[in-house]
Amino acid sequence: MRISFLFAMGLLAACACSKNTNQPASHQVTMQDYSFNPESLNISVGDTVTWVNDGATSHTTTSGTVGAPDGNWDSGTMAPGARYQHVFPAAGNFRYYCSFHATTNGMVGVIAVH
């Protein structure tokens, strides 16, 4: 009887340990000095990215490439101190840019979702 009880307890412990405990994570990208930091970010499906304008000028985070927004997200104008969040529900490489500073300052980034 003791052996079957210990065996059952071991099975319960194994089941508890094998559960998928991956929870969506949060990541932050800062906007400052006409750049995104980090410029590229690797995340998992379901994770959230928060862009924070830590600079002294307004910026945007607009998905797509310069002159060709793809409509996945657009923060609109973000004044200094503003925050914008986006959840990434699917895998892929998502390019984005600041609509004010991409052309003149090269303010672009990419989120790689795995």
PDB file of N, CA and C in Angstrom:
ATOM      1  N   MET A   1       0.824  -1.191   0.000  1.00  0.00           N
ATOM      2  CA  MET A   1       0.000   0.000   0.000  1.00  0.00           C
ATOM      3  C   MET A   1       0.865   1.251   0.000  1.00  0.00           C
ATOM      4  N   ARG A   2       1.922   1.236   0.778  1.00  0.00           N
ATOM      5  CA  ARG A   2       2.816   2.388   0.882  1.00  0.00           C
ATOM      6  C   ARG A   2       3.459   2.694  -0.466  1.00  0.00           C
ATOM      7  N   ILE A   3       3.850   1.679  -1.212  1.00  0.00           N
ATOM      8  CA  ILE A   3       4.493   1.884  -2.507  1.00  0.00           C
ATOM      9  C   ILE A   3       3.518   2.525  -3.481  1.00  0.00           C
ATOM     10  N   SER A   4       2.268   2.061  -3.546  1.00  0.00           N
ATOM     11  CA  SER A   4       1.307   2.647  -4.477  1.00  0.00           C
ATOM     12  C   SER A   4       0.982   4.091  -4.106  1.00  0.00           C
ATOM     13  N   PHE A   5       0.968   4.399  -2.795  1.00  0.00           N
ATOM     14  CA  PHE A   5       0.730   5.775  -2.364  1.00  0.00           C
ATOM     15  C   PHE A   5       1.879   6.685  -2.824  1.00  0.00           C
ATOM     16  N   LEU A   6       3.115   6.231  -2.623  1.00  0.00           N
ATOM     17  CA  LEU A   6       4.285   7.009  -3.056  1.00  0.00           C
ATOM     18  C   LEU A   6       4.309   7.151  -4.576  1.00  0.00           C
ATOM     19  N   PHE A   7       3.934   6.067  -5.274  1.00  0.00           N
ATOM     20  CA  PHE A   7       3.873   6.120  -6.730  1.00  0.00           C
ATOM     21  C   PHE A   7       2.843   7.158  -7.191  1.00  0.00           C
ATOM     22  N   ALA A   8       1.676   7.156  -6.571  1.00  0.00           N
ATOM     23  CA  ALA A   8       0.622   8.119  -6.914  1.00  0.00           C
ATOM     24  C   ALA A   8       1.074   9.541  -6.627  1.00  0.00           C
ATOM     25  N   MET A   9       1.755   9.753  -5.513  1.00  0.00           N
ATOM     26  CA  MET A   9       2.251  11.100  -5.180  1.00  0.00           C
ATOM     27  C   MET A   9       3.293  11.550  -6.199  1.00  0.00           C
ATOM     28  N   GLY A  10       4.106  10.619  -6.645  1.00  0.00           N
ATOM     29  CA  GLY A  10       5.107  10.938  -7.670  1.00  0.00           C
ATOM     30  C   GLY A  10       4.458  11.331  -8.982  1.00  0.00           C
ATOM     31  N   LEU A  11       3.392  10.632  -9.350  1.00  0.00           N
ATOM     32  CA  LEU A  11       2.666  10.994 -10.566  1.00  0.00           C
ATOM     33  C   LEU A  11       2.054  12.382 -10.463  1.00  0.00           C
ATOM     34  N   LEU A  12       1.478  12.693  -9.317  1.00  0.00           N
ATOM     35  CA  LEU A  12       0.906  14.027  -9.121  1.00  0.00           C
ATOM     36  C   LEU A  12       1.978  15.100  -9.229  1.00  0.00           C
ATOM     37  N   ALA A  13       3.117  14.870  -8.642  1.00  0.00           N
ATOM     38  CA  ALA A  13       4.215  15.844  -8.716  1.00  0.00           C
ATOM     39  C   ALA A  13       4.692  15.998 -10.146  1.00  0.00           C
ATOM     40  N   ALA A  14       4.790  14.890 -10.881  1.00  0.00           N
ATOM     41  CA  ALA A  14       5.230  14.954 -12.271  1.00  0.00           C
ATOM     42  C   ALA A  14       4.232  15.730 -13.117  1.00  0.00           C
ATOM     43  N   CYS A  15       2.944  15.517 -12.888  1.00  0.00           N
ATOM     44  CA  CYS A  15       1.920  16.248 -13.643  1.00  0.00           C
ATOM     45  C   CYS A  15       1.992  17.736 -13.347  1.00  0.00           C
ATOM     46  N   ALA A  16       2.186  18.098 -12.106  1.00  0.00           N
ATOM     47  CA  ALA A  16       2.256  19.514 -11.739  1.00  0.00           C
ATOM     48  C   ALA A  16       3.459  20.175 -12.369  1.00  0.00           C
ATOM     49  N   CYS A  17       4.559  19.445 -12.481  1.00  0.00           N
ATOM     50  CA  CYS A  17       5.779  20.029 -13.030  1.00  0.00           C
ATOM     51  C   CYS A  17       5.739  20.122 -14.544  1.00  0.00           C
ATOM     52  N   SER A  18       4.942  19.272 -15.193  1.00  0.00           N
ATOM     53  CA  SER A  18       4.947  19.261 -16.644  1.00  0.00           C
ATOM     54  C   SER A  18       3.941  20.227 -17.259  1.00  0.00           C
ATOM     55  N   LYS A  19       3.178  20.931 -16.440  1.00  0.00           N
ATOM     56  CA  LYS A  19       2.235  21.906 -16.985  1.00  0.00           C
ATOM     57  C   LYS A  19       2.985  23.029 -17.681  1.00  0.00           C
ATOM     58  N   ASN A  20       2.399  23.554 -18.746  1.00  0.00           N
ATOM     59  CA  ASN A  20       2.991  24.687 -19.445  1.00  0.00           C
ATOM     60  C   ASN A  20       2.732  25.947 -18.621  1.00  0.00           C
ATOM     61  N   THR A  21       3.780  26.510 -18.082  1.00  0.00           N
ATOM     62  CA  THR A  21       3.633  27.696 -17.236  1.00  0.00           C
ATOM     63  C   THR A  21       4.092  28.955 -17.952  1.00  0.00           C
ATOM     64  N   ASN A  22       4.258  28.876 -19.268  1.00  0.00           N
ATOM     65  CA  ASN A  22       4.682  30.064 -20.006  1.00  0.00           C
ATOM     66  C   ASN A  22       3.563  31.088 -20.005  1.00  0.00           C
ATOM     67  N   GLN A  23       3.793  32.179 -19.352  1.00  0.00           N
ATOM     68  CA  GLN A  23       2.847  33.284 -19.315  1.00  0.00           C
ATOM     69  C   GLN A  23       3.345  34.360 -20.270  1.00  0.00           C
ATOM     70  N   PRO A  24       2.446  35.106 -20.896  1.00  0.00           N
ATOM     71  CA  PRO A  24       2.896  36.207 -21.738  1.00  0.00           C
ATOM     72  C   PRO A  24       3.782  37.166 -20.945  1.00  0.00           C
ATOM     73  N   ALA A  25       4.797  37.652 -21.601  1.00  0.00           N
ATOM     74  CA  ALA A  25       5.749  38.565 -20.962  1.00  0.00           C
ATOM     75  C   ALA A  25       5.520  39.987 -21.459  1.00  0.00           C
ATOM     76  N   SER A  26       6.057  40.930 -20.731  1.00  0.00           N
ATOM     77  CA  SER A  26       5.998  42.340 -21.113  1.00  0.00           C
ATOM     78  C   SER A  26       7.407  42.813 -21.434  1.00  0.00           C
ATOM     79  N   HIS A  27       7.516  43.619 -22.480  1.00  0.00           N
ATOM     80  CA  HIS A  27       8.800  44.154 -22.917  1.00  0.00           C
ATOM     81  C   HIS A  27       8.645  45.654 -23.106  1.00  0.00           C
ATOM     82  N   GLN A  28       9.739  46.382 -23.002  1.00  0.00           N
ATOM     83  CA  GLN A  28       9.681  47.831 -23.159  1.00  0.00           C
ATOM     84  C   GLN A  28      10.691  48.304 -24.200  1.00  0.00           C
ATOM     85  N   VAL A  29      10.252  49.231 -25.023  1.00  0.00           N
ATOM     86  CA  VAL A  29      11.112  49.915 -25.986  1.00  0.00           C
ATOM     87  C   VAL A  29      11.022  51.394 -25.653  1.00  0.00           C
ATOM     88  N   THR A  30      12.162  52.038 -25.481  1.00  0.00           N
ATOM     89  CA  THR A  30      12.145  53.479 -25.221  1.00  0.00           C
ATOM     90  C   THR A  30      12.420  54.237 -26.510  1.00  0.00           C
ATOM     91  N   MET A  31      11.851  55.436 -26.569  1.00  0.00           N
ATOM     92  CA  MET A  31      12.050  56.346 -27.691  1.00  0.00           C
ATOM     93  C   MET A  31      12.809  57.543 -27.132  1.00  0.00           C
ATOM     94  N   GLN A  32      14.013  57.733 -27.641  1.00  0.00           N
ATOM     95  CA  GLN A  32      14.812  58.848 -27.149  1.00  0.00           C
ATOM     96  C   GLN A  32      15.912  59.140 -28.154  1.00  0.00           C
ATOM     97  N   ASP A  33      16.231  60.407 -28.279  1.00  0.00           N
ATOM     98  CA  ASP A  33      17.317  60.815 -29.190  1.00  0.00           C
ATOM     99  C   ASP A  33      17.120  60.265 -30.596  1.00  0.00           C
ATOM    100  N   TYR A  34      15.886  60.254 -31.070  1.00  0.00           N
ATOM    101  CA  TYR A  34      15.540  59.839 -32.428  1.00  0.00           C
ATOM    102  C   TYR A  34      15.915  58.396 -32.718  1.00  0.00           C
ATOM    103  N   SER A  35      15.745  57.525 -31.708  1.00  0.00           N
ATOM    104  CA  SER A  35      15.971  56.099 -31.916  1.00  0.00           C
ATOM    105  C   SER A  35      15.073  55.296 -30.985  1.00  0.00           C
ATOM    106  N   PHE A  36      14.874  54.033 -31.362  1.00  0.00           N
ATOM    107  CA  PHE A  36      14.181  53.067 -30.519  1.00  0.00           C
ATOM    108  C   PHE A  36      15.251  52.251 -29.801  1.00  0.00           C
ATOM    109  N   ASN A  37      15.054  52.004 -28.516  1.00  0.00           N
ATOM    110  CA  ASN A  37      16.025  51.237 -27.760  1.00  0.00           C
ATOM    111  C   ASN A  37      15.301  50.163 -26.958  1.00  0.00           C
ATOM    112  N   PRO A  38      15.474  48.878 -27.289  1.00  0.00           N
ATOM    113  CA  PRO A  38      16.333  48.353 -28.344  1.00  0.00           C
ATOM    114  C   PRO A  38      15.688  48.540 -29.722  1.00  0.00           C
ATOM    115  N   GLU A  39      16.535  48.564 -30.729  1.00  0.00           N
ATOM    116  CA  GLU A  39      16.056  48.724 -32.099  1.00  0.00           C
ATOM    117  C   GLU A  39      15.396  47.446 -32.603  1.00  0.00           C
ATOM    118  N   SER A  40      15.905  46.294 -32.149  1.00  0.00           N
ATOM    119  CA  SER A  40      15.279  45.011 -32.485  1.00  0.00           C
ATOM    120  C   SER A  40      15.030  44.246 -31.191  1.00  0.00           C
ATOM    121  N   LEU A  41      13.941  43.491 -31.193  1.00  0.00           N
ATOM    122  CA  LEU A  41      13.511  42.801 -29.988  1.00  0.00           C
ATOM    123  C   LEU A  41      12.951  41.443 -30.375  1.00  0.00           C
ATOM    124  N   ASN A  42      13.365  40.387 -29.665  1.00  0.00           N
ATOM    125  CA  ASN A  42      12.840  39.038 -29.869  1.00  0.00           C
ATOM    126  C   ASN A  42      11.879  38.731 -28.735  1.00  0.00           C
ATOM    127  N   ILE A  43      10.643  38.353 -29.101  1.00  0.00           N
ATOM    128  CA  ILE A  43       9.621  38.065 -28.100  1.00  0.00           C
ATOM    129  C   ILE A  43       8.865  36.804 -28.490  1.00  0.00           C
ATOM    130  N   SER A  44       7.955  36.380 -27.630  1.00  0.00           N
ATOM    131  CA  SER A  44       7.115  35.205 -27.900  1.00  0.00           C
ATOM    132  C   SER A  44       5.696  35.637 -28.269  1.00  0.00           C
ATOM    133  N   VAL A  45       5.000  34.754 -28.969  1.00  0.00           N
ATOM    134  CA  VAL A  45       3.599  34.999 -29.314  1.00  0.00           C
ATOM    135  C   VAL A  45       2.825  35.272 -28.026  1.00  0.00           C
ATOM    136  N   GLY A  46       2.000  36.307 -28.037  1.00  0.00           N
ATOM    137  CA  GLY A  46       1.190  36.675 -26.884  1.00  0.00           C
ATOM    138  C   GLY A  46       1.826  37.715 -25.982  1.00  0.00           C
ATOM    139  N   ASP A  47       3.104  38.018 -26.207  1.00  0.00           N
ATOM    140  CA  ASP A  47       3.786  39.022 -25.387  1.00  0.00           C
ATOM    141  C   ASP A  47       3.307  40.428 -25.734  1.00  0.00           C
ATOM    142  N   THR A  48       3.508  41.339 -24.791  1.00  0.00           N
ATOM    143  CA  THR A  48       3.142  42.746 -24.962  1.00  0.00           C
ATOM    144  C   THR A  48       4.398  43.587 -25.039  1.00  0.00           C
ATOM    145  N   VAL A  49       4.407  44.520 -25.959  1.00  0.00           N
ATOM    146  CA  VAL A  49       5.488  45.507 -26.040  1.00  0.00           C
ATOM    147  C   VAL A  49       4.898  46.860 -25.680  1.00  0.00           C
ATOM    148  N   THR A  50       5.589  47.570 -24.790  1.00  0.00           N
ATOM    149  CA  THR A  50       5.208  48.927 -24.419  1.00  0.00           C
ATOM    150  C   THR A  50       6.291  49.869 -24.899  1.00  0.00           C
ATOM    151  N   TRP A  51       5.904  50.824 -25.738  1.00  0.00           N
ATOM    152  CA  TRP A  51       6.815  51.873 -26.161  1.00  0.00           C
ATOM    153  C   TRP A  51       6.632  53.046 -25.210  1.00  0.00           C
ATOM    154  N   VAL A  52       7.733  53.604 -24.743  1.00  0.00           N
ATOM    155  CA  VAL A  52       7.709  54.727 -23.807  1.00  0.00           C
ATOM    156  C   VAL A  52       8.531  55.858 -24.409  1.00  0.00           C
ATOM    157  N   ASN A  53       7.913  57.029 -24.524  1.00  0.00           N
ATOM    158  CA  ASN A  53       8.637  58.183 -25.057  1.00  0.00           C
ATOM    159  C   ASN A  53       9.403  58.854 -23.914  1.00  0.00           C
ATOM    160  N   ASP A  54      10.695  58.537 -23.823  1.00  0.00           N
ATOM    161  CA  ASP A  54      11.574  59.128 -22.815  1.00  0.00           C
ATOM    162  C   ASP A  54      12.336  60.340 -23.349  1.00  0.00           C
ATOM    163  N   GLY A  55      11.999  60.763 -24.549  1.00  0.00           N
ATOM    164  CA  GLY A  55      12.702  61.886 -25.160  1.00  0.00           C
ATOM    165  C   GLY A  55      12.004  63.213 -24.921  1.00  0.00           C
ATOM    166  N   ALA A  56      12.543  64.224 -25.573  1.00  0.00           N
ATOM    167  CA  ALA A  56      12.019  65.584 -25.417  1.00  0.00           C
ATOM    168  C   ALA A  56      11.146  66.014 -26.591  1.00  0.00           C
ATOM    169  N   THR A  57      10.934  65.100 -27.559  1.00  0.00           N
ATOM    170  CA  THR A  57      10.126  65.429 -28.729  1.00  0.00           C
ATOM    171  C   THR A  57       9.086  64.330 -28.960  1.00  0.00           C
ATOM    172  N   SER A  58       8.054  64.628 -29.704  1.00  0.00           N
ATOM    173  CA  SER A  58       7.002  63.647 -29.995  1.00  0.00           C
ATOM    174  C   SER A  58       7.488  62.607 -30.999  1.00  0.00           C
ATOM    175  N   HIS A  59       6.957  61.384 -30.869  1.00  0.00           N
ATOM    176  CA  HIS A  59       7.292  60.279 -31.760  1.00  0.00           C
ATOM    177  C   HIS A  59       6.024  59.474 -32.034  1.00  0.00           C
ATOM    178  N   THR A  60       6.143  58.483 -32.934  1.00  0.00           N
ATOM    179  CA  THR A  60       5.096  57.487 -33.149  1.00  0.00           C
ATOM    180  C   THR A  60       5.751  56.115 -33.197  1.00  0.00           C
ATOM    181  N   THR A  61       4.959  55.083 -33.032  1.00  0.00           N
ATOM    182  CA  THR A  61       5.348  53.729 -33.398  1.00  0.00           C
ATOM    183  C   THR A  61       4.277  53.266 -34.371  1.00  0.00           C
ATOM    184  N   THR A  62       4.687  53.103 -35.613  1.00  0.00           N
ATOM    185  CA  THR A  62       3.768  52.791 -36.708  1.00  0.00           C
ATOM    186  C   THR A  62       4.263  51.534 -37.403  1.00  0.00           C
ATOM    187  N   SER A  63       3.431  50.502 -37.473  1.00  0.00           N
ATOM    188  CA  SER A  63       3.861  49.240 -38.081  1.00  0.00           C
ATOM    189  C   SER A  63       3.961  49.363 -39.593  1.00  0.00           C
ATOM    190  N   GLY A  64       4.937  48.638 -40.138  1.00  0.00           N
ATOM    191  CA  GLY A  64       5.179  48.652 -41.570  1.00  0.00           C
ATOM    192  C   GLY A  64       6.546  49.238 -41.860  1.00  0.00           C
ATOM    193  N   THR A  65       6.702  49.707 -43.079  1.00  0.00           N
ATOM    194  CA  THR A  65       7.949  50.350 -43.477  1.00  0.00           C
ATOM    195  C   THR A  65       7.656  51.803 -43.842  1.00  0.00           C
ATOM    196  N   VAL A  66       8.695  52.599 -43.869  1.00  0.00           N
ATOM    197  CA  VAL A  66       8.542  54.031 -44.123  1.00  0.00           C
ATOM    198  C   VAL A  66       7.741  54.262 -45.402  1.00  0.00           C
ATOM    199  N   GLY A  67       6.655  54.992 -45.283  1.00  0.00           N
ATOM    200  CA  GLY A  67       5.801  55.287 -46.420  1.00  0.00           C
ATOM    201  C   GLY A  67       4.805  54.187 -46.754  1.00  0.00           C
ATOM    202  N   ALA A  68       4.888  53.055 -46.039  1.00  0.00           N
ATOM    203  CA  ALA A  68       3.988  51.931 -46.311  1.00  0.00           C
ATOM    204  C   ALA A  68       3.513  51.298 -45.003  1.00  0.00           C
ATOM    205  N   PRO A  69       2.712  52.032 -44.217  1.00  0.00           N
ATOM    206  CA  PRO A  69       2.189  51.433 -42.982  1.00  0.00           C
ATOM    207  C   PRO A  69       1.317  50.226 -43.324  1.00  0.00           C
ATOM    208  N   ASP A  70       1.404  49.178 -42.484  1.00  0.00           N
ATOM    209  CA  ASP A  70       0.641  47.963 -42.795  1.00  0.00           C
ATOM    210  C   ASP A  70      -0.625  47.801 -41.959  1.00  0.00           C
ATOM    211  N   GLY A  71      -0.892  48.750 -41.045  1.00  0.00           N
ATOM    212  CA  GLY A  71      -2.139  48.735 -40.296  1.00  0.00           C
ATOM    213  C   GLY A  71      -2.178  47.836 -39.072  1.00  0.00           C
ATOM    214  N   ASN A  72      -1.080  47.158 -38.739  1.00  0.00           N
ATOM    215  CA  ASN A  72      -1.092  46.312 -37.539  1.00  0.00           C
ATOM    216  C   ASN A  72      -1.228  47.139 -36.261  1.00  0.00           C
ATOM    217  N   TRP A  73      -0.557  48.283 -36.187  1.00  0.00           N
ATOM    218  CA  TRP A  73      -0.712  49.195 -35.055  1.00  0.00           C
ATOM    219  C   TRP A  73      -0.197  50.575 -35.446  1.00  0.00           C
ATOM    220  N   ASP A  74      -0.703  51.566 -34.766  1.00  0.00           N
ATOM    221  CA  ASP A  74      -0.235  52.941 -34.924  1.00  0.00           C
ATOM    222  C   ASP A  74      -0.567  53.682 -33.636  1.00  0.00           C
ATOM    223  N   SER A  75       0.450  54.138 -32.963  1.00  0.00           N
ATOM    224  CA  SER A  75       0.259  54.808 -31.677  1.00  0.00           C
ATOM    225  C   SER A  75      -0.332  56.195 -31.810  1.00  0.00           C
ATOM    226  N   GLY A  76      -0.244  56.767 -33.004  1.00  0.00           N
ATOM    227  CA  GLY A  76      -0.555  58.185 -33.128  1.00  0.00           C
ATOM    228  C   GLY A  76       0.582  58.971 -32.484  1.00  0.00           C
ATOM    229  N   THR A  77       0.428  60.267 -32.387  1.00  0.00           N
ATOM    230  CA  THR A  77       1.478  61.109 -31.814  1.00  0.00           C
ATOM    231  C   THR A  77       1.622  60.839 -30.324  1.00  0.00           C
ATOM    232  N   MET A  78       2.842  60.532 -29.918  1.00  0.00           N
ATOM    233  CA  MET A  78       3.153  60.278 -28.513  1.00  0.00           C
ATOM    234  C   MET A  78       4.017  61.427 -27.989  1.00  0.00           C
ATOM    235  N   ALA A  79       3.430  62.262 -27.157  1.00  0.00           N
ATOM    236  CA  ALA A  79       4.177  63.365 -26.543  1.00  0.00           C
ATOM    237  C   ALA A  79       5.194  62.791 -25.560  1.00  0.00           C
ATOM    238  N   PRO A  80       6.186  63.578 -25.163  1.00  0.00           N
ATOM    239  CA  PRO A  80       7.135  63.099 -24.149  1.00  0.00           C
ATOM    240  C   PRO A  80       6.399  62.566 -22.923  1.00  0.00           C
ATOM    241  N   GLY A  81       6.830  61.399 -22.452  1.00  0.00           N
ATOM    242  CA  GLY A  81       6.211  60.756 -21.302  1.00  0.00           C
ATOM    243  C   GLY A  81       5.086  59.790 -21.648  1.00  0.00           C
ATOM    244  N   ALA A  82       4.612  59.802 -22.881  1.00  0.00           N
ATOM    245  CA  ALA A  82       3.495  58.928 -23.278  1.00  0.00           C
ATOM    246  C   ALA A  82       3.940  57.475 -23.405  1.00  0.00           C
ATOM    247  N   ARG A  83       2.955  56.569 -23.280  1.00  0.00           N
ATOM    248  CA  ARG A  83       3.171  55.129 -23.393  1.00  0.00           C
ATOM    249  C   ARG A  83       2.156  54.559 -24.381  1.00  0.00           C
ATOM    250  N   TYR A  84       2.567  53.506 -25.083  1.00  0.00           N
ATOM    251  CA  TYR A  84       1.668  52.813 -26.003  1.00  0.00           C
ATOM    252  C   TYR A  84       1.973  51.320 -25.928  1.00  0.00           C
ATOM    253  N   GLN A  85       0.930  50.485 -25.857  1.00  0.00           N
ATOM    254  CA  GLN A  85       1.104  49.031 -25.774  1.00  0.00           C
ATOM    255  C   GLN A  85       0.482  48.331 -26.962  1.00  0.00           C
ATOM    256  N   HIS A  86       1.120  47.220 -27.334  1.00  0.00           N
ATOM    257  CA  HIS A  86       0.565  46.363 -28.381  1.00  0.00           C
ATOM    258  C   HIS A  86       0.880  44.914 -28.030  1.00  0.00           C
ATOM    259  N   VAL A  87      -0.132  44.039 -28.145  1.00  0.00           N
ATOM    260  CA  VAL A  87       0.035  42.603 -27.931  1.00  0.00           C
ATOM    261  C   VAL A  87       0.278  41.957 -29.291  1.00  0.00           C
ATOM    262  N   PHE A  88       1.235  41.031 -29.349  1.00  0.00           N
ATOM    263  CA  PHE A  88       1.583  40.359 -30.600  1.00  0.00           C
ATOM    264  C   PHE A  88       0.985  38.947 -30.596  1.00  0.00           C
ATOM    265  N   PRO A  89      -0.159  38.752 -31.287  1.00  0.00           N
ATOM    266  CA  PRO A  89      -0.866  37.470 -31.229  1.00  0.00           C
ATOM    267  C   PRO A  89      -0.341  36.403 -32.193  1.00  0.00           C
ATOM    268  N   ALA A  90       0.563  36.765 -33.099  1.00  0.00           N
ATOM    269  CA  ALA A  90       1.031  35.806 -34.105  1.00  0.00           C
ATOM    270  C   ALA A  90       2.534  35.950 -34.320  1.00  0.00           C
ATOM    271  N   ALA A  91       3.140  34.875 -34.802  1.00  0.00           N
ATOM    272  CA  ALA A  91       4.575  34.883 -35.095  1.00  0.00           C
ATOM    273  C   ALA A  91       4.852  35.678 -36.371  1.00  0.00           C
ATOM    274  N   GLY A  92       6.056  36.194 -36.463  1.00  0.00           N
ATOM    275  CA  GLY A  92       6.485  36.914 -37.653  1.00  0.00           C
ATOM    276  C   GLY A  92       7.481  38.001 -37.293  1.00  0.00           C
ATOM    277  N   ASN A  93       7.989  38.664 -38.319  1.00  0.00           N
ATOM    278  CA  ASN A  93       8.872  39.810 -38.138  1.00  0.00           C
ATOM    279  C   ASN A  93       8.072  41.060 -38.456  1.00  0.00           C
ATOM    280  N   PHE A  94       7.965  41.947 -37.476  1.00  0.00           N
ATOM    281  CA  PHE A  94       7.138  43.133 -37.609  1.00  0.00           C
ATOM    282  C   PHE A  94       8.019  44.382 -37.579  1.00  0.00           C
ATOM    283  N   ARG A  95       8.136  44.999 -38.734  1.00  0.00           N
ATOM    284  CA  ARG A  95       8.920  46.235 -38.840  1.00  0.00           C
ATOM    285  C   ARG A  95       8.038  47.406 -38.426  1.00  0.00           C
ATOM    286  N   TYR A  96       8.682  48.443 -37.889  1.00  0.00           N
ATOM    287  CA  TYR A  96       7.950  49.643 -37.502  1.00  0.00           C
ATOM    288  C   TYR A  96       8.872  50.846 -37.573  1.00  0.00           C
ATOM    289  N   TYR A  97       8.271  52.025 -37.468  1.00  0.00           N
ATOM    290  CA  TYR A  97       9.043  53.258 -37.620  1.00  0.00           C
ATOM    291  C   TYR A  97       8.331  54.402 -36.913  1.00  0.00           C
ATOM    292  N   CYS A  98       9.061  55.492 -36.743  1.00  0.00           N
ATOM    293  CA  CYS A  98       8.471  56.739 -36.262  1.00  0.00           C
ATOM    294  C   CYS A  98       8.121  57.562 -37.494  1.00  0.00           C
ATOM    295  N   SER A  99       6.850  57.909 -37.639  1.00  0.00           N
ATOM    296  CA  SER A  99       6.430  58.624 -38.849  1.00  0.00           C
ATOM    297  C   SER A  99       7.050  60.021 -38.946  1.00  0.00           C
ATOM    298  N   PHE A 100       7.523  60.567 -37.840  1.00  0.00           N
ATOM    299  CA  PHE A 100       8.157  61.884 -37.870  1.00  0.00           C
ATOM    300  C   PHE A 100       9.652  61.818 -38.177  1.00  0.00           C
ATOM    301  N   HIS A 101      10.323  60.726 -37.766  1.00  0.00           N
ATOM    302  CA  HIS A 101      11.788  60.729 -37.792  1.00  0.00           C
ATOM    303  C   HIS A 101      12.432  59.560 -38.528  1.00  0.00           C
ATOM    304  N   ALA A 102      11.663  58.738 -39.185  1.00  0.00           N
ATOM    305  CA  ALA A 102      12.248  57.591 -39.893  1.00  0.00           C
ATOM    306  C   ALA A 102      13.069  58.038 -41.094  1.00  0.00           C
ATOM    307  N   THR A 103      12.544  58.962 -41.865  1.00  0.00           N
ATOM    308  CA  THR A 103      13.227  59.405 -43.075  1.00  0.00           C
ATOM    309  C   THR A 103      14.442  60.270 -42.748  1.00  0.00           C
ATOM    310  N   THR A 104      14.275  61.209 -41.841  1.00  0.00           N
ATOM    311  CA  THR A 104      15.366  62.140 -41.550  1.00  0.00           C
ATOM    312  C   THR A 104      16.395  61.583 -40.574  1.00  0.00           C
ATOM    313  N   ASN A 105      15.966  60.723 -39.645  1.00  0.00           N
ATOM    314  CA  ASN A 105      16.872  60.239 -38.608  1.00  0.00           C
ATOM    315  C   ASN A 105      17.025  58.717 -38.571  1.00  0.00           C
ATOM    316  N   GLY A 106      16.360  58.003 -39.463  1.00  0.00           N
ATOM    317  CA  GLY A 106      16.475  56.545 -39.492  1.00  0.00           C
ATOM    318  C   GLY A 106      15.859  55.857 -38.287  1.00  0.00           C
ATOM    319  N   MET A 107      14.793  56.437 -37.744  1.00  0.00           N
ATOM    320  CA  MET A 107      14.165  55.886 -36.544  1.00  0.00           C
ATOM    321  C   MET A 107      13.238  54.745 -36.932  1.00  0.00           C
ATOM    322  N   VAL A 108      13.804  53.526 -36.974  1.00  0.00           N
ATOM    323  CA  VAL A 108      13.082  52.315 -37.356  1.00  0.00           C
ATOM    324  C   VAL A 108      13.419  51.205 -36.368  1.00  0.00           C
ATOM    325  N   GLY A 109      12.577  50.178 -36.338  1.00  0.00           N
ATOM    326  CA  GLY A 109      12.820  49.026 -35.482  1.00  0.00           C
ATOM    327  C   GLY A 109      12.141  47.795 -36.025  1.00  0.00           C
ATOM    328  N   VAL A 110      12.371  46.668 -35.345  1.00  0.00           N
ATOM    329  CA  VAL A 110      11.730  45.411 -35.738  1.00  0.00           C
ATOM    330  C   VAL A 110      11.475  44.572 -34.479  1.00  0.00           C
ATOM    331  N   ILE A 111      10.306  43.936 -34.466  1.00  0.00           N
ATOM    332  CA  ILE A 111       9.940  42.999 -33.414  1.00  0.00           C
ATOM    333  C   ILE A 111       9.861  41.617 -34.060  1.00  0.00           C
ATOM    334  N   ALA A 112      10.697  40.677 -33.595  1.00  0.00           N
ATOM    335  CA  ALA A 112      10.666  39.296 -34.085  1.00  0.00           C
ATOM    336  C   ALA A 112       9.878  38.471 -33.079  1.00  0.00           C
ATOM    337  N   VAL A 113       8.754  37.930 -33.533  1.00  0.00           N
ATOM    338  CA  VAL A 113       7.862  37.172 -32.651  1.00  0.00           C
ATOM    339  C   VAL A 113       7.985  35.691 -32.995  1.00  0.00           C
ATOM    340  N   HIS A 114       8.324  34.880 -31.984  1.00  0.00           N
ATOM    341  CA  HIS A 114       8.532  33.432 -32.182  1.00  0.00           C
ATOM    342  C   HIS A 114       7.489  32.659 -31.412  1.00  0.00           C
TER     343      HIS A 114
END
